[in-house]
Amino acid sequence: MAVQQRRGSKTRKRLRRTHFKLNVTGLTTCPNCGTLIRAHHVCPECHHYAGKDVITKEVPKKEKGKAKK
């Protein structure tokens, strides 16, 4: 294993770790419902993107007379 030659200072350690920060995601408001959404993504609440309804949920029809056990 690698062993360090000399102890690094607190400043050197902190300077090295400045590049490990997380990036802030771009949040915008949905023009249809007003909730916060990530930029360039479909709204999870109303399923709109660029003013269009993208995801449509189809409700399955229940068949009468057939009971599942």
C-alpha atoms as a PDB file:
ATOM      1  CA  MET A   1       0.000   0.000   0.000  1.00  0.00           C
ATOM      2  CA  ALA A   2       1.045   3.585  -0.540  1.00  0.00           C
ATOM      3  CA  VAL A   3       2.315   5.445   2.505  1.00  0.00           C
ATOM      4  CA  GLN A   4       2.455   9.206   2.580  1.00  0.00           C
ATOM      5  CA  GLN A   5       5.859  10.860   2.750  1.00  0.00           C
ATOM      6  CA  ARG A   6       4.793  13.560   5.188  1.00  0.00           C
ATOM      7  CA  ARG A   7       1.639  14.657   6.918  1.00  0.00           C
ATOM      8  CA  GLY A   8      -0.532  17.017   4.899  1.00  0.00           C
ATOM      9  CA  SER A   9      -1.812  20.207   6.490  1.00  0.00           C
ATOM     10  CA  LYS A  10      -5.471  21.016   7.093  1.00  0.00           C
ATOM     11  CA  THR A  11      -5.304  23.641   4.370  1.00  0.00           C
ATOM     12  CA  ARG A  12      -3.986  21.234   1.741  1.00  0.00           C
ATOM     13  CA  LYS A  13      -6.656  18.712   2.671  1.00  0.00           C
ATOM     14  CA  ARG A  14      -9.417  21.292   2.425  1.00  0.00           C
ATOM     15  CA  LEU A  15      -8.116  22.677  -0.860  1.00  0.00           C
ATOM     16  CA  ARG A  16      -8.106  19.180  -2.332  1.00  0.00           C
ATOM     17  CA  ARG A  17     -11.664  18.521  -1.159  1.00  0.00           C
ATOM     18  CA  THR A  18     -13.128  21.710  -2.655  1.00  0.00           C
ATOM     19  CA  HIS A  19     -13.610  19.872  -5.952  1.00  0.00           C
ATOM     20  CA  PHE A  20     -15.719  17.099  -4.367  1.00  0.00           C
ATOM     21  CA  LYS A  21     -18.729  19.340  -3.817  1.00  0.00           C
ATOM     22  CA  LEU A  22     -22.175  18.486  -5.181  1.00  0.00           C
ATOM     23  CA  ASN A  23     -23.755  20.492  -7.969  1.00  0.00           C
ATOM     24  CA  VAL A  24     -27.095  22.169  -7.365  1.00  0.00           C
ATOM     25  CA  THR A  25     -29.796  20.866  -9.694  1.00  0.00           C
ATOM     26  CA  GLY A  26     -31.696  23.445 -11.713  1.00  0.00           C
ATOM     27  CA  LEU A  27     -35.262  23.712 -10.429  1.00  0.00           C
ATOM     28  CA  THR A  28     -38.066  25.472 -12.267  1.00  0.00           C
ATOM     29  CA  THR A  29     -41.802  25.768 -11.713  1.00  0.00           C
ATOM     30  CA  CYS A  30     -44.250  23.822 -13.826  1.00  0.00           C
ATOM     31  CA  PRO A  31     -46.284  26.270 -15.935  1.00  0.00           C
ATOM     32  CA  ASN A  32     -49.327  23.990 -15.720  1.00  0.00           C
ATOM     33  CA  CYS A  33     -49.603  23.221 -11.979  1.00  0.00           C
ATOM     34  CA  GLY A  34     -46.900  25.392 -10.365  1.00  0.00           C
ATOM     35  CA  THR A  35     -44.920  22.687  -8.544  1.00  0.00           C
ATOM     36  CA  LEU A  36     -41.118  22.640  -8.515  1.00  0.00           C
ATOM     37  CA  ILE A  37     -39.644  20.327 -11.147  1.00  0.00           C
ATOM     38  CA  ARG A  38     -36.161  19.591 -12.457  1.00  0.00           C
ATOM     39  CA  ALA A  39     -35.262  21.425 -15.640  1.00  0.00           C
ATOM     40  CA  HIS A  40     -35.998  19.533 -18.881  1.00  0.00           C
ATOM     41  CA  HIS A  41     -38.003  16.785 -17.092  1.00  0.00           C
ATOM     42  CA  VAL A  42     -41.664  15.779 -17.074  1.00  0.00           C
ATOM     43  CA  CYS A  43     -43.676  17.124 -14.135  1.00  0.00           C
ATOM     44  CA  PRO A  44     -44.357  14.230 -11.715  1.00  0.00           C
ATOM     45  CA  GLU A  45     -47.639  15.791 -10.559  1.00  0.00           C
ATOM     46  CA  CYS A  46     -49.494  16.689 -13.767  1.00  0.00           C
ATOM     47  CA  HIS A  47     -47.344  14.813 -16.356  1.00  0.00           C
ATOM     48  CA  HIS A  48     -46.852  17.838 -18.612  1.00  0.00           C
ATOM     49  CA  TYR A  49     -43.726  18.730 -20.577  1.00  0.00           C
ATOM     50  CA  ALA A  50     -43.396  21.778 -22.833  1.00  0.00           C
ATOM     51  CA  GLY A  51     -47.113  22.514 -22.514  1.00  0.00           C
ATOM     52  CA  LYS A  52     -48.216  19.032 -23.603  1.00  0.00           C
ATOM     53  CA  ASP A  53     -49.688  16.120 -21.644  1.00  0.00           C
ATOM     54  CA  VAL A  54     -46.998  13.484 -22.084  1.00  0.00           C
ATOM     55  CA  ILE A  55     -48.061  10.593 -19.857  1.00  0.00           C
ATOM     56  CA  THR A  56     -51.646   9.383 -20.022  1.00  0.00           C
ATOM     57  CA  LYS A  57     -52.824   6.776 -17.586  1.00  0.00           C
ATOM     58  CA  GLU A  58     -55.331   4.290 -18.909  1.00  0.00           C
ATOM     59  CA  VAL A  59     -57.745   2.917 -16.341  1.00  0.00           C
ATOM     60  CA  PRO A  60     -58.413  -0.796 -16.935  1.00  0.00           C
ATOM     61  CA  LYS A  61     -62.080  -1.681 -17.330  1.00  0.00           C
ATOM     62  CA  LYS A  62     -63.438  -4.188 -14.840  1.00  0.00           C
ATOM     63  CA  GLU A  63     -65.222  -7.126 -16.375  1.00  0.00           C
ATOM     64  CA  LYS A  64     -68.578  -7.997 -14.888  1.00  0.00           C
ATOM     65  CA  GLY A  65     -69.493 -11.559 -14.030  1.00  0.00           C
ATOM     66  CA  LYS A  66     -65.971 -12.904 -13.708  1.00  0.00           C
ATOM     67  CA  ALA A  67     -64.788 -13.114 -10.128  1.00  0.00           C
ATOM     68  CA  LYS A  68     -61.142 -13.857  -9.517  1.00  0.00           C
ATOM     69  CA  LYS A  69     -60.247 -16.080  -6.630  1.00  0.00           C
END
